Amino acid sequence: VQLQASGGGLVQAGKSLRLSCAASGNIGSINAVAWYRQAQGKEREFVGVITSMGVHNVADSVKGRFTISRDNAWNTVYLQMNSLKPEDTAVYYCAARVEWEDSFDSWGQGTQVTVSS
């Protein structure tokens, strides 16, 4: 499975962005896709996940502002980010878990999100 994240950019605080994660390859084997982010000088942070069972959770730090959705075929997973804050500035990555693995082993290259105050 190959992933390509896109949609990042520079945005003012309070505005919205939608990130996309396009999957290719053996997408039929995907059973979950997660979003992570890493701010400069900080550790990677879990943002949210969506599963084939319809479960979608986000971290407390973004709850009420970020939502995750996908198309039915796992072609694209979205991260809708509303009410952005400067502390949301980071490189955002998507990662896929396939049905025979317990971890998210397929990663996209990341897309930069910068929120100005």
PDB file of N, CA and C in Angstrom:
ATOM      1  N   VAL A   1       0.850  -1.192   0.000  1.00  0.00           N
ATOM      2  CA  VAL A   1       0.000   0.000   0.000  1.00  0.00           C
ATOM      3  C   VAL A   1       0.888   1.246   0.000  1.00  0.00           C
ATOM      4  N   GLN A   2       0.569   2.170  -0.893  1.00  0.00           N
ATOM      5  CA  GLN A   2       1.293   3.437  -0.940  1.00  0.00           C
ATOM      6  C   GLN A   2       0.319   4.573  -0.607  1.00  0.00           C
ATOM      7  N   LEU A   3       0.808   5.545   0.118  1.00  0.00           N
ATOM      8  CA  LEU A   3      -0.030   6.661   0.542  1.00  0.00           C
ATOM      9  C   LEU A   3       0.589   7.984   0.124  1.00  0.00           C
ATOM     10  N   GLN A   4      -0.259   8.932  -0.219  1.00  0.00           N
ATOM     11  CA  GLN A   4       0.175  10.270  -0.607  1.00  0.00           C
ATOM     12  C   GLN A   4      -0.710  11.283   0.090  1.00  0.00           C
ATOM     13  N   ALA A   5      -0.127  12.030   1.020  1.00  0.00           N
ATOM     14  CA  ALA A   5      -0.876  13.067   1.726  1.00  0.00           C
ATOM     15  C   ALA A   5      -0.742  14.390   0.984  1.00  0.00           C
ATOM     16  N   SER A   6      -1.817  15.164   0.981  1.00  0.00           N
ATOM     17  CA  SER A   6      -1.799  16.462   0.315  1.00  0.00           C
ATOM     18  C   SER A   6      -2.813  17.385   0.974  1.00  0.00           C
ATOM     19  N   GLY A   7      -2.766  18.654   0.586  1.00  0.00           N
ATOM     20  CA  GLY A   7      -3.747  19.614   1.066  1.00  0.00           C
ATOM     21  C   GLY A   7      -3.235  20.581   2.107  1.00  0.00           C
ATOM     22  N   GLY A   8      -2.005  20.415   2.526  1.00  0.00           N
ATOM     23  CA  GLY A   8      -1.450  21.327   3.521  1.00  0.00           C
ATOM     24  C   GLY A   8      -1.204  22.709   2.946  1.00  0.00           C
ATOM     25  N   GLY A   9      -0.856  23.640   3.827  1.00  0.00           N
ATOM     26  CA  GLY A   9      -0.573  24.993   3.390  1.00  0.00           C
ATOM     27  C   GLY A   9      -0.513  25.944   4.562  1.00  0.00           C
ATOM     28  N   LEU A  10      -0.482  27.226   4.239  1.00  0.00           N
ATOM     29  CA  LEU A  10      -0.459  28.288   5.242  1.00  0.00           C
ATOM     30  C   LEU A  10      -1.858  28.845   5.389  1.00  0.00           C
ATOM     31  N   VAL A  11      -2.339  28.923   6.622  1.00  0.00           N
ATOM     32  CA  VAL A  11      -3.699  29.394   6.862  1.00  0.00           C
ATOM     33  C   VAL A  11      -3.712  30.198   8.155  1.00  0.00           C
ATOM     34  N   GLN A  12      -4.640  31.135   8.240  1.00  0.00           N
ATOM     35  CA  GLN A  12      -4.769  31.942   9.452  1.00  0.00           C
ATOM     36  C   GLN A  12      -5.522  31.165  10.533  1.00  0.00           C
ATOM     37  N   ALA A  13      -5.242  31.495  11.751  1.00  0.00           N
ATOM     38  CA  ALA A  13      -5.951  30.878  12.870  1.00  0.00           C
ATOM     39  C   ALA A  13      -7.449  31.098  12.716  1.00  0.00           C
ATOM     40  N   GLY A  14      -8.194  30.044  13.050  1.00  0.00           N
ATOM     41  CA  GLY A  14      -9.645  30.105  12.937  1.00  0.00           C
ATOM     42  C   GLY A  14     -10.188  29.595  11.622  1.00  0.00           C
ATOM     43  N   LYS A  15      -9.306  29.445  10.635  1.00  0.00           N
ATOM     44  CA  LYS A  15      -9.738  28.955   9.327  1.00  0.00           C
ATOM     45  C   LYS A  15      -9.711  27.441   9.268  1.00  0.00           C
ATOM     46  N   SER A  16     -10.039  26.912   8.087  1.00  0.00           N
ATOM     47  CA  SER A  16     -10.140  25.462   7.895  1.00  0.00           C
ATOM     48  C   SER A  16      -9.234  24.990   6.772  1.00  0.00           C
ATOM     49  N   LEU A  17      -8.854  23.731   6.859  1.00  0.00           N
ATOM     50  CA  LEU A  17      -8.141  23.034   5.792  1.00  0.00           C
ATOM     51  C   LEU A  17      -8.654  21.609   5.739  1.00  0.00           C
ATOM     52  N   ARG A  18      -8.607  21.022   4.574  1.00  0.00           N
ATOM     53  CA  ARG A  18      -8.916  19.607   4.455  1.00  0.00           C
ATOM     54  C   ARG A  18      -7.727  18.904   3.830  1.00  0.00           C
ATOM     55  N   LEU A  19      -7.191  17.961   4.556  1.00  0.00           N
ATOM     56  CA  LEU A  19      -6.102  17.139   4.051  1.00  0.00           C
ATOM     57  C   LEU A  19      -6.671  15.875   3.406  1.00  0.00           C
ATOM     58  N   SER A  20      -5.979  15.410   2.395  1.00  0.00           N
ATOM     59  CA  SER A  20      -6.356  14.172   1.728  1.00  0.00           C
ATOM     60  C   SER A  20      -5.217  13.180   1.812  1.00  0.00           C
ATOM     61  N   CYS A  21      -5.565  11.929   1.914  1.00  0.00           N
ATOM     62  CA  CYS A  21      -4.595  10.840   1.897  1.00  0.00           C
ATOM     63  C   CYS A  21      -5.054   9.871   0.819  1.00  0.00           C
ATOM     64  N   ALA A  22      -4.338   9.872  -0.295  1.00  0.00           N
ATOM     65  CA  ALA A  22      -4.692   9.014  -1.416  1.00  0.00           C
ATOM     66  C   ALA A  22      -3.929   7.708  -1.313  1.00  0.00           C
ATOM     67  N   ALA A  23      -4.653   6.606  -1.381  1.00  0.00           N
ATOM     68  CA  ALA A  23      -4.039   5.288  -1.270  1.00  0.00           C
ATOM     69  C   ALA A  23      -3.995   4.613  -2.629  1.00  0.00           C
ATOM     70  N   SER A  24      -2.966   3.810  -2.832  1.00  0.00           N
ATOM     71  CA  SER A  24      -2.847   3.025  -4.057  1.00  0.00           C
ATOM     72  C   SER A  24      -2.211   1.686  -3.711  1.00  0.00           C
ATOM     73  N   GLY A  25      -2.217   0.793  -4.668  1.00  0.00           N
ATOM     74  CA  GLY A  25      -1.699  -0.549  -4.417  1.00  0.00           C
ATOM     75  C   GLY A  25      -2.819  -1.455  -3.939  1.00  0.00           C
ATOM     76  N   ASN A  26      -2.529  -2.290  -2.970  1.00  0.00           N
ATOM     77  CA  ASN A  26      -3.483  -3.267  -2.464  1.00  0.00           C
ATOM     78  C   ASN A  26      -4.425  -2.631  -1.433  1.00  0.00           C
ATOM     79  N   ILE A  27      -5.225  -1.679  -1.899  1.00  0.00           N
ATOM     80  CA  ILE A  27      -6.068  -0.932  -0.959  1.00  0.00           C
ATOM     81  C   ILE A  27      -7.176  -1.793  -0.369  1.00  0.00           C
ATOM     82  N   GLY A  28      -7.470  -2.899  -1.011  1.00  0.00           N
ATOM     83  CA  GLY A  28      -8.473  -3.793  -0.468  1.00  0.00           C
ATOM     84  C   GLY A  28      -8.050  -4.443   0.833  1.00  0.00           C
ATOM     85  N   SER A  29      -6.761  -4.375   1.149  1.00  0.00           N
ATOM     86  CA  SER A  29      -6.255  -4.975   2.381  1.00  0.00           C
ATOM     87  C   SER A  29      -6.268  -4.006   3.562  1.00  0.00           C
ATOM     88  N   ILE A  30      -6.586  -2.720   3.296  1.00  0.00           N
ATOM     89  CA  ILE A  30      -6.576  -1.715   4.356  1.00  0.00           C
ATOM     90  C   ILE A  30      -7.757  -1.937   5.301  1.00  0.00           C
ATOM     91  N   ASN A  31      -7.499  -1.901   6.592  1.00  0.00           N
ATOM     92  CA  ASN A  31      -8.619  -1.933   7.541  1.00  0.00           C
ATOM     93  C   ASN A  31      -8.635  -0.724   8.475  1.00  0.00           C
ATOM     94  N   ALA A  32      -7.637   0.140   8.358  1.00  0.00           N
ATOM     95  CA  ALA A  32      -7.639   1.389   9.142  1.00  0.00           C
ATOM     96  C   ALA A  32      -6.618   2.358   8.566  1.00  0.00           C
ATOM     97  N   VAL A  33      -6.927   3.627   8.666  1.00  0.00           N
ATOM     98  CA  VAL A  33      -5.983   4.689   8.311  1.00  0.00           C
ATOM     99  C   VAL A  33      -5.964   5.696   9.451  1.00  0.00           C
ATOM    100  N   ALA A  34      -4.761   6.080   9.828  1.00  0.00           N
ATOM    101  CA  ALA A  34      -4.591   7.041  10.915  1.00  0.00           C
ATOM    102  C   ALA A  34      -3.872   8.286  10.409  1.00  0.00           C
ATOM    103  N   TRP A  35      -4.126   9.369  11.096  1.00  0.00           N
ATOM    104  CA  TRP A  35      -3.388  10.606  10.862  1.00  0.00           C
ATOM    105  C   TRP A  35      -2.517  10.885  12.088  1.00  0.00           C
ATOM    106  N   TYR A  36      -1.303  11.297  11.818  1.00  0.00           N
ATOM    107  CA  TYR A  36      -0.373  11.712  12.856  1.00  0.00           C
ATOM    108  C   TYR A  36       0.176  13.077  12.458  1.00  0.00           C
ATOM    109  N   ARG A  37       0.776  13.740  13.406  1.00  0.00           N
ATOM    110  CA  ARG A  37       1.442  15.000  13.091  1.00  0.00           C
ATOM    111  C   ARG A  37       2.712  15.131  13.939  1.00  0.00           C
ATOM    112  N   GLN A  38       3.631  15.889  13.408  1.00  0.00           N
ATOM    113  CA  GLN A  38       4.874  16.121  14.128  1.00  0.00           C
ATOM    114  C   GLN A  38       5.277  17.576  13.964  1.00  0.00           C
ATOM    115  N   ALA A  39       5.250  18.287  15.055  1.00  0.00           N
ATOM    116  CA  ALA A  39       5.700  19.674  15.063  1.00  0.00           C
ATOM    117  C   ALA A  39       7.222  19.705  15.186  1.00  0.00           C
ATOM    118  N   GLN A  40       7.811  20.762  14.729  1.00  0.00           N
ATOM    119  CA  GLN A  40       9.259  20.883  14.761  1.00  0.00           C
ATOM    120  C   GLN A  40       9.765  20.778  16.188  1.00  0.00           C
ATOM    121  N   GLY A  41      10.701  19.877  16.406  1.00  0.00           N
ATOM    122  CA  GLY A  41      11.294  19.709  17.719  1.00  0.00           C
ATOM    123  C   GLY A  41      10.475  18.888  18.690  1.00  0.00           C
ATOM    124  N   LYS A  42       9.354  18.347  18.224  1.00  0.00           N
ATOM    125  CA  LYS A  42       8.489  17.563  19.104  1.00  0.00           C
ATOM    126  C   LYS A  42       8.320  16.150  18.565  1.00  0.00           C
ATOM    127  N   GLU A  43       7.812  15.280  19.421  1.00  0.00           N
ATOM    128  CA  GLU A  43       7.579  13.904  19.005  1.00  0.00           C
ATOM    129  C   GLU A  43       6.308  13.813  18.160  1.00  0.00           C
ATOM    130  N   ARG A  44       6.262  12.755  17.391  1.00  0.00           N
ATOM    131  CA  ARG A  44       5.069  12.512  16.580  1.00  0.00           C
ATOM    132  C   ARG A  44       3.859  12.299  17.476  1.00  0.00           C
ATOM    133  N   GLU A  45       2.736  12.852  17.065  1.00  0.00           N
ATOM    134  CA  GLU A  45       1.516  12.829  17.873  1.00  0.00           C
ATOM    135  C   GLU A  45       0.374  12.220  17.077  1.00  0.00           C
ATOM    136  N   PHE A  46      -0.380  11.339  17.704  1.00  0.00           N
ATOM    137  CA  PHE A  46      -1.571  10.755  17.089  1.00  0.00           C
ATOM    138  C   PHE A  46      -2.642  11.834  16.963  1.00  0.00           C
ATOM    139  N   VAL A  47      -3.280  11.876  15.784  1.00  0.00           N
ATOM    140  CA  VAL A  47      -4.356  12.846  15.547  1.00  0.00           C
ATOM    141  C   VAL A  47      -5.714  12.153  15.504  1.00  0.00           C
ATOM    142  N   GLY A  48      -5.806  11.069  14.756  1.00  0.00           N
ATOM    143  CA  GLY A  48      -7.072  10.381  14.657  1.00  0.00           C
ATOM    144  C   GLY A  48      -6.977   9.148  13.790  1.00  0.00           C
ATOM    145  N   VAL A  49      -8.025   8.356  13.790  1.00  0.00           N
ATOM    146  CA  VAL A  49      -8.047   7.105  13.050  1.00  0.00           C
ATOM    147  C   VAL A  49      -9.455   6.824  12.564  1.00  0.00           C
ATOM    148  N   ILE A  50      -9.533   6.137  11.448  1.00  0.00           N
ATOM    149  CA  ILE A  50     -10.807   5.640  10.948  1.00  0.00           C
ATOM    150  C   ILE A  50     -10.605   4.199  10.530  1.00  0.00           C
ATOM    151  N   THR A  51     -11.591   3.356  10.848  1.00  0.00           N
ATOM    152  CA  THR A  51     -11.442   1.935  10.577  1.00  0.00           C
ATOM    153  C   THR A  51     -12.521   1.444   9.615  1.00  0.00           C
ATOM    154  N   SER A  52     -12.318   0.231   9.134  1.00  0.00           N
ATOM    155  CA  SER A  52     -13.286  -0.370   8.227  1.00  0.00           C
ATOM    156  C   SER A  52     -14.587  -0.718   8.942  1.00  0.00           C
ATOM    157  N   MET A  53     -14.561  -0.756  10.266  1.00  0.00           N
ATOM    158  CA  MET A  53     -15.767  -1.048  11.032  1.00  0.00           C
ATOM    159  C   MET A  53     -16.568   0.217  11.312  1.00  0.00           C
ATOM    160  N   GLY A  54     -16.105   1.348  10.746  1.00  0.00           N
ATOM    161  CA  GLY A  54     -16.839   2.589  10.927  1.00  0.00           C
ATOM    162  C   GLY A  54     -16.441   3.379  12.149  1.00  0.00           C
ATOM    163  N   VAL A  55     -15.433   2.904  12.868  1.00  0.00           N
ATOM    164  CA  VAL A  55     -14.966   3.631  14.044  1.00  0.00           C
ATOM    165  C   VAL A  55     -14.075   4.784  13.597  1.00  0.00           C
ATOM    166  N   HIS A  56     -14.325   5.968  14.137  1.00  0.00           N
ATOM    167  CA  HIS A  56     -13.415   7.075  13.865  1.00  0.00           C
ATOM    168  C   HIS A  56     -13.258   7.890  15.132  1.00  0.00           C
ATOM    169  N   ASN A  57     -12.035   7.970  15.586  1.00  0.00           N
ATOM    170  CA  ASN A  57     -11.691   8.689  16.810  1.00  0.00           C
ATOM    171  C   ASN A  57     -10.629   9.727  16.523  1.00  0.00           C
ATOM    172  N   VAL A  58     -10.657  10.790  17.293  1.00  0.00           N
ATOM    173  CA  VAL A  58      -9.612  11.793  17.201  1.00  0.00           C
ATOM    174  C   VAL A  58      -9.057  12.076  18.589  1.00  0.00           C
ATOM    175  N   ALA A  59      -7.877  12.618  18.638  1.00  0.00           N
ATOM    176  CA  ALA A  59      -7.224  12.943  19.900  1.00  0.00           C
ATOM    177  C   ALA A  59      -7.993  14.051  20.620  1.00  0.00           C
ATOM    178  N   ASP A  60      -7.867  14.082  21.930  1.00  0.00           N
ATOM    179  CA  ASP A  60      -8.560  15.093  22.720  1.00  0.00           C
ATOM    180  C   ASP A  60      -8.159  16.511  22.305  1.00  0.00           C
ATOM    181  N   SER A  61      -6.909  16.663  21.874  1.00  0.00           N
ATOM    182  CA  SER A  61      -6.412  17.984  21.513  1.00  0.00           C
ATOM    183  C   SER A  61      -7.099  18.575  20.286  1.00  0.00           C
ATOM    184  N   VAL A  62      -7.742  17.728  19.490  1.00  0.00           N
ATOM    185  CA  VAL A  62      -8.402  18.213  18.272  1.00  0.00           C
ATOM    186  C   VAL A  62      -9.888  17.883  18.253  1.00  0.00           C
ATOM    187  N   LYS A  63     -10.370  17.263  19.305  1.00  0.00           N
ATOM    188  CA  LYS A  63     -11.781  16.855  19.349  1.00  0.00           C
ATOM    189  C   LYS A  63     -12.689  18.080  19.250  1.00  0.00           C
ATOM    190  N   GLY A  64     -13.714  17.915  18.423  1.00  0.00           N
ATOM    191  CA  GLY A  64     -14.631  19.025  18.193  1.00  0.00           C
ATOM    192  C   GLY A  64     -14.197  19.952  17.072  1.00  0.00           C
ATOM    193  N   ARG A  65     -12.959  19.794  16.610  1.00  0.00           N
ATOM    194  CA  ARG A  65     -12.441  20.628  15.520  1.00  0.00           C
ATOM    195  C   ARG A  65     -12.058  19.805  14.286  1.00  0.00           C
ATOM    196  N   PHE A  66     -11.536  18.626  14.485  1.00  0.00           N
ATOM    197  CA  PHE A  66     -11.066  17.774  13.382  1.00  0.00           C
ATOM    198  C   PHE A  66     -12.003  16.568  13.239  1.00  0.00           C
ATOM    199  N   THR A  67     -12.254  16.188  12.010  1.00  0.00           N
ATOM    200  CA  THR A  67     -12.999  14.965  11.739  1.00  0.00           C
ATOM    201  C   THR A  67     -12.312  14.190  10.619  1.00  0.00           C
ATOM    202  N   ILE A  68     -12.478  12.883  10.671  1.00  0.00           N
ATOM    203  CA  ILE A  68     -11.891  11.993   9.668  1.00  0.00           C
ATOM    204  C   ILE A  68     -13.012  11.304   8.914  1.00  0.00           C
ATOM    205  N   SER A  69     -12.845  11.202   7.617  1.00  0.00           N
ATOM    206  CA  SER A  69     -13.817  10.493   6.796  1.00  0.00           C
ATOM    207  C   SER A  69     -13.075   9.794   5.665  1.00  0.00           C
ATOM    208  N   ARG A  70     -13.790   8.947   4.951  1.00  0.00           N
ATOM    209  CA  ARG A  70     -13.163   8.223   3.832  1.00  0.00           C
ATOM    210  C   ARG A  70     -14.212   7.879   2.798  1.00  0.00           C
ATOM    211  N   ASP A  71     -13.736   7.546   1.613  1.00  0.00           N
ATOM    212  CA  ASP A  71     -14.665   6.996   0.641  1.00  0.00           C
ATOM    213  C   ASP A  71     -14.784   5.499   0.898  1.00  0.00           C
ATOM    214  N   ASN A  72     -15.726   4.863   0.275  1.00  0.00           N
ATOM    215  CA  ASN A  72     -16.025   3.463   0.597  1.00  0.00           C
ATOM    216  C   ASN A  72     -14.908   2.503   0.206  1.00  0.00           C
ATOM    217  N   ALA A  73     -14.126   2.873  -0.774  1.00  0.00           N
ATOM    218  CA  ALA A  73     -13.126   1.943  -1.299  1.00  0.00           C
ATOM    219  C   ALA A  73     -11.736   2.174  -0.734  1.00  0.00           C
ATOM    220  N   TRP A  74     -11.588   3.041   0.239  1.00  0.00           N
ATOM    221  CA  TRP A  74     -10.284   3.394   0.809  1.00  0.00           C
ATOM    222  C   TRP A  74      -9.378   4.075  -0.225  1.00  0.00           C
ATOM    223  N   ASN A  75      -9.948   4.642  -1.283  1.00  0.00           N
ATOM    224  CA  ASN A  75      -9.110   5.387  -2.218  1.00  0.00           C
ATOM    225  C   ASN A  75      -8.552   6.652  -1.579  1.00  0.00           C
ATOM    226  N   THR A  76      -9.394   7.315  -0.794  1.00  0.00           N
ATOM    227  CA  THR A  76      -8.987   8.576  -0.177  1.00  0.00           C
ATOM    228  C   THR A  76      -9.562   8.683   1.227  1.00  0.00           C
ATOM    229  N   VAL A  77      -8.723   9.122   2.137  1.00  0.00           N
ATOM    230  CA  VAL A  77      -9.136   9.421   3.507  1.00  0.00           C
ATOM    231  C   VAL A  77      -8.899  10.905   3.728  1.00  0.00           C
ATOM    232  N   TYR A  78      -9.850  11.530   4.404  1.00  0.00           N
ATOM    233  CA  TYR A  78      -9.784  12.979   4.590  1.00  0.00           C
ATOM    234  C   TYR A  78      -9.616  13.339   6.068  1.00  0.00           C
ATOM    235  N   LEU A  79      -8.936  14.423   6.298  1.00  0.00           N
ATOM    236  CA  LEU A  79      -8.859  15.012   7.632  1.00  0.00           C
ATOM    237  C   LEU A  79      -9.348  16.453   7.501  1.00  0.00           C
ATOM    238  N   GLN A  80     -10.564  16.675   7.962  1.00  0.00           N
ATOM    239  CA  GLN A  80     -11.129  18.014   7.935  1.00  0.00           C
ATOM    240  C   GLN A  80     -10.726  18.729   9.215  1.00  0.00           C
ATOM    241  N   MET A  81     -10.066  19.850   9.062  1.00  0.00           N
ATOM    242  CA  MET A  81      -9.542  20.596  10.208  1.00  0.00           C
ATOM    243  C   MET A  81     -10.197  21.960  10.247  1.00  0.00           C
ATOM    244  N   ASN A  82     -10.984  22.194  11.262  1.00  0.00           N
ATOM    245  CA  ASN A  82     -11.672  23.479  11.440  1.00  0.00           C
ATOM    246  C   ASN A  82     -11.121  24.209  12.662  1.00  0.00           C
ATOM    247  N   SER A  83     -11.385  25.494  12.721  1.00  0.00           N
ATOM    248  CA  SER A  83     -10.961  26.313  13.860  1.00  0.00           C
ATOM    249  C   SER A  83      -9.489  26.081  14.187  1.00  0.00           C
ATOM    250  N   LEU A  84      -8.669  26.162  13.177  1.00  0.00           N
ATOM    251  CA  LEU A  84      -7.252  25.869  13.352  1.00  0.00           C
ATOM    252  C   LEU A  84      -6.580  26.853  14.302  1.00  0.00           C
ATOM    253  N   LYS A  85      -5.616  26.327  15.032  1.00  0.00           N
ATOM    254  CA  LYS A  85      -4.856  27.106  16.003  1.00  0.00           C
ATOM    255  C   LYS A  85      -3.369  27.062  15.640  1.00  0.00           C
ATOM    256  N   PRO A  86      -2.606  28.033  16.070  1.00  0.00           N
ATOM    257  CA  PRO A  86      -1.165  27.996  15.781  1.00  0.00           C
ATOM    258  C   PRO A  86      -0.499  26.717  16.268  1.00  0.00           C
ATOM    259  N   GLU A  87      -1.000  26.141  17.355  1.00  0.00           N
ATOM    260  CA  GLU A  87      -0.406  24.907  17.872  1.00  0.00           C
ATOM    261  C   GLU A  87      -0.716  23.694  17.013  1.00  0.00           C
ATOM    262  N   ASP A  88      -1.560  23.859  16.009  1.00  0.00           N
ATOM    263  CA  ASP A  88      -1.805  22.770  15.051  1.00  0.00           C
ATOM    264  C   ASP A  88      -0.731  22.732  13.962  1.00  0.00           C
ATOM    265  N   THR A  89       0.158  23.684  13.965  1.00  0.00           N
ATOM    266  CA  THR A  89       1.228  23.717  12.973  1.00  0.00           C
ATOM    267  C   THR A  89       2.121  22.491  13.112  1.00  0.00           C
ATOM    268  N   ALA A  90       2.258  21.756  12.022  1.00  0.00           N
ATOM    269  CA  ALA A  90       3.029  20.505  12.037  1.00  0.00           C
ATOM    270  C   ALA A  90       3.054  19.928  10.639  1.00  0.00           C
ATOM    271  N   VAL A  91       3.863  18.911  10.477  1.00  0.00           N
ATOM    272  CA  VAL A  91       3.779  18.063   9.286  1.00  0.00           C
ATOM    273  C   VAL A  91       2.799  16.946   9.606  1.00  0.00           C
ATOM    274  N   TYR A  92       1.824  16.780   8.752  1.00  0.00           N
ATOM    275  CA  TYR A  92       0.775  15.778   8.954  1.00  0.00           C
ATOM    276  C   TYR A  92       1.033  14.580   8.052  1.00  0.00           C
ATOM    277  N   TYR A  93       0.953  13.400   8.653  1.00  0.00           N
ATOM    278  CA  TYR A  93       1.189  12.153   7.944  1.00  0.00           C
ATOM    279  C   TYR A  93      -0.045  11.262   8.049  1.00  0.00           C
ATOM    280  N   CYS A  94      -0.276  10.493   6.989  1.00  0.00           N
ATOM    281  CA  CYS A  94      -1.276   9.435   7.082  1.00  0.00           C
ATOM    282  C   CYS A  94      -0.562   8.088   7.031  1.00  0.00           C
ATOM    283  N   ALA A  95      -1.169   7.118   7.672  1.00  0.00           N
ATOM    284  CA  ALA A  95      -0.582   5.780   7.762  1.00  0.00           C
ATOM    285  C   ALA A  95      -1.691   4.755   7.681  1.00  0.00           C
ATOM    286  N   ALA A  96      -1.415   3.661   7.030  1.00  0.00           N
ATOM    287  CA  ALA A  96      -2.409   2.609   6.842  1.00  0.00           C
ATOM    288  C   ALA A  96      -2.020   1.342   7.583  1.00  0.00           C
ATOM    289  N   ARG A  97      -3.035   0.664   8.068  1.00  0.00           N
ATOM    290  CA  ARG A  97      -2.853  -0.670   8.657  1.00  0.00           C
ATOM    291  C   ARG A  97      -3.596  -1.656   7.756  1.00  0.00           C
ATOM    292  N   VAL A  98      -2.941  -2.721   7.414  1.00  0.00           N
ATOM    293  CA  VAL A  98      -3.571  -3.747   6.581  1.00  0.00           C
ATOM    294  C   VAL A  98      -4.029  -4.903   7.456  1.00  0.00           C
ATOM    295  N   GLU A  99      -4.851  -5.744   6.871  1.00  0.00           N
ATOM    296  CA  GLU A  99      -5.594  -6.722   7.667  1.00  0.00           C
ATOM    297  C   GLU A  99      -4.715  -7.767   8.329  1.00  0.00           C
ATOM    298  N   TRP A 100      -3.503  -7.996   7.826  1.00  0.00           N
ATOM    299  CA  TRP A 100      -2.645  -9.015   8.429  1.00  0.00           C
ATOM    300  C   TRP A 100      -1.591  -8.407   9.352  1.00  0.00           C
ATOM    301  N   GLU A 101      -1.679  -7.131   9.648  1.00  0.00           N
ATOM    302  CA  GLU A 101      -0.724  -6.476  10.525  1.00  0.00           C
ATOM    303  C   GLU A 101      -1.456  -5.875  11.725  1.00  0.00           C
ATOM    304  N   ASP A 102      -0.728  -5.672  12.818  1.00  0.00           N
ATOM    305  CA  ASP A 102      -1.278  -5.042  14.012  1.00  0.00           C
ATOM    306  C   ASP A 102      -0.902  -3.575  14.119  1.00  0.00           C
ATOM    307  N   SER A 103      -0.026  -3.117  13.250  1.00  0.00           N
ATOM    308  CA  SER A 103       0.453  -1.740  13.376  1.00  0.00           C
ATOM    309  C   SER A 103       0.313  -1.011  12.044  1.00  0.00           C
ATOM    310  N   PHE A 104       0.495   0.301  12.099  1.00  0.00           N
ATOM    311  CA  PHE A 104       0.413   1.132  10.901  1.00  0.00           C
ATOM    312  C   PHE A 104       1.795   1.181  10.256  1.00  0.00           C
ATOM    313  N   ASP A 105       1.990   0.373   9.242  1.00  0.00           N
ATOM    314  CA  ASP A 105       3.310   0.203   8.650  1.00  0.00           C
ATOM    315  C   ASP A 105       3.497   0.916   7.315  1.00  0.00           C
ATOM    316  N   SER A 106       2.437   1.383   6.716  1.00  0.00           N
ATOM    317  CA  SER A 106       2.527   2.078   5.425  1.00  0.00           C
ATOM    318  C   SER A 106       2.286   3.557   5.665  1.00  0.00           C
ATOM    319  N   TRP A 107       3.277   4.371   5.327  1.00  0.00           N
ATOM    320  CA  TRP A 107       3.214   5.800   5.628  1.00  0.00           C
ATOM    321  C   TRP A 107       3.337   6.642   4.369  1.00  0.00           C
ATOM    322  N   GLY A 108       2.619   7.755   4.346  1.00  0.00           N
ATOM    323  CA  GLY A 108       2.781   8.747   3.297  1.00  0.00           C
ATOM    324  C   GLY A 108       3.914   9.689   3.633  1.00  0.00           C
ATOM    325  N   GLN A 109       4.198  10.629   2.730  1.00  0.00           N
ATOM    326  CA  GLN A 109       5.376  11.468   2.883  1.00  0.00           C
ATOM    327  C   GLN A 109       5.137  12.701   3.761  1.00  0.00           C
ATOM    328  N   GLY A 110       3.918  13.006   4.112  1.00  0.00           N
ATOM    329  CA  GLY A 110       3.629  14.153   4.964  1.00  0.00           C
ATOM    330  C   GLY A 110       3.318  15.414   4.187  1.00  0.00           C
ATOM    331  N   THR A 111       2.490  16.245   4.794  1.00  0.00           N
ATOM    332  CA  THR A 111       2.156  17.536   4.207  1.00  0.00           C
ATOM    333  C   THR A 111       2.196  18.594   5.312  1.00  0.00           C
ATOM    334  N   GLN A 112       2.814  19.725   5.008  1.00  0.00           N
ATOM    335  CA  GLN A 112       3.029  20.759   6.015  1.00  0.00           C
ATOM    336  C   GLN A 112       1.778  21.614   6.192  1.00  0.00           C
ATOM    337  N   VAL A 113       1.389  21.793   7.436  1.00  0.00           N
ATOM    338  CA  VAL A 113       0.306  22.710   7.783  1.00  0.00           C
ATOM    339  C   VAL A 113       0.895  23.783   8.698  1.00  0.00           C
ATOM    340  N   THR A 114       0.719  25.020   8.311  1.00  0.00           N
ATOM    341  CA  THR A 114       1.212  26.136   9.111  1.00  0.00           C
ATOM    342  C   THR A 114       0.050  27.075   9.404  1.00  0.00           C
ATOM    343  N   VAL A 115      -0.189  27.316  10.681  1.00  0.00           N
ATOM    344  CA  VAL A 115      -1.290  28.170  11.097  1.00  0.00           C
ATOM    345  C   VAL A 115      -0.701  29.437  11.719  1.00  0.00           C
ATOM    346  N   SER A 116      -1.004  30.558  11.133  1.00  0.00           N
ATOM    347  CA  SER A 116      -0.485  31.836  11.633  1.00  0.00           C
ATOM    348  C   SER A 116      -1.489  32.476  12.590  1.00  0.00           C
ATOM    349  N   SER A 117      -0.959  33.189  13.542  1.00  0.00           N
ATOM    350  CA  SER A 117      -1.834  33.828  14.545  1.00  0.00           C
ATOM    351  C   SER A 117      -2.274  35.215  14.104  1.00  0.00           C
TER     352      SER A 117
END
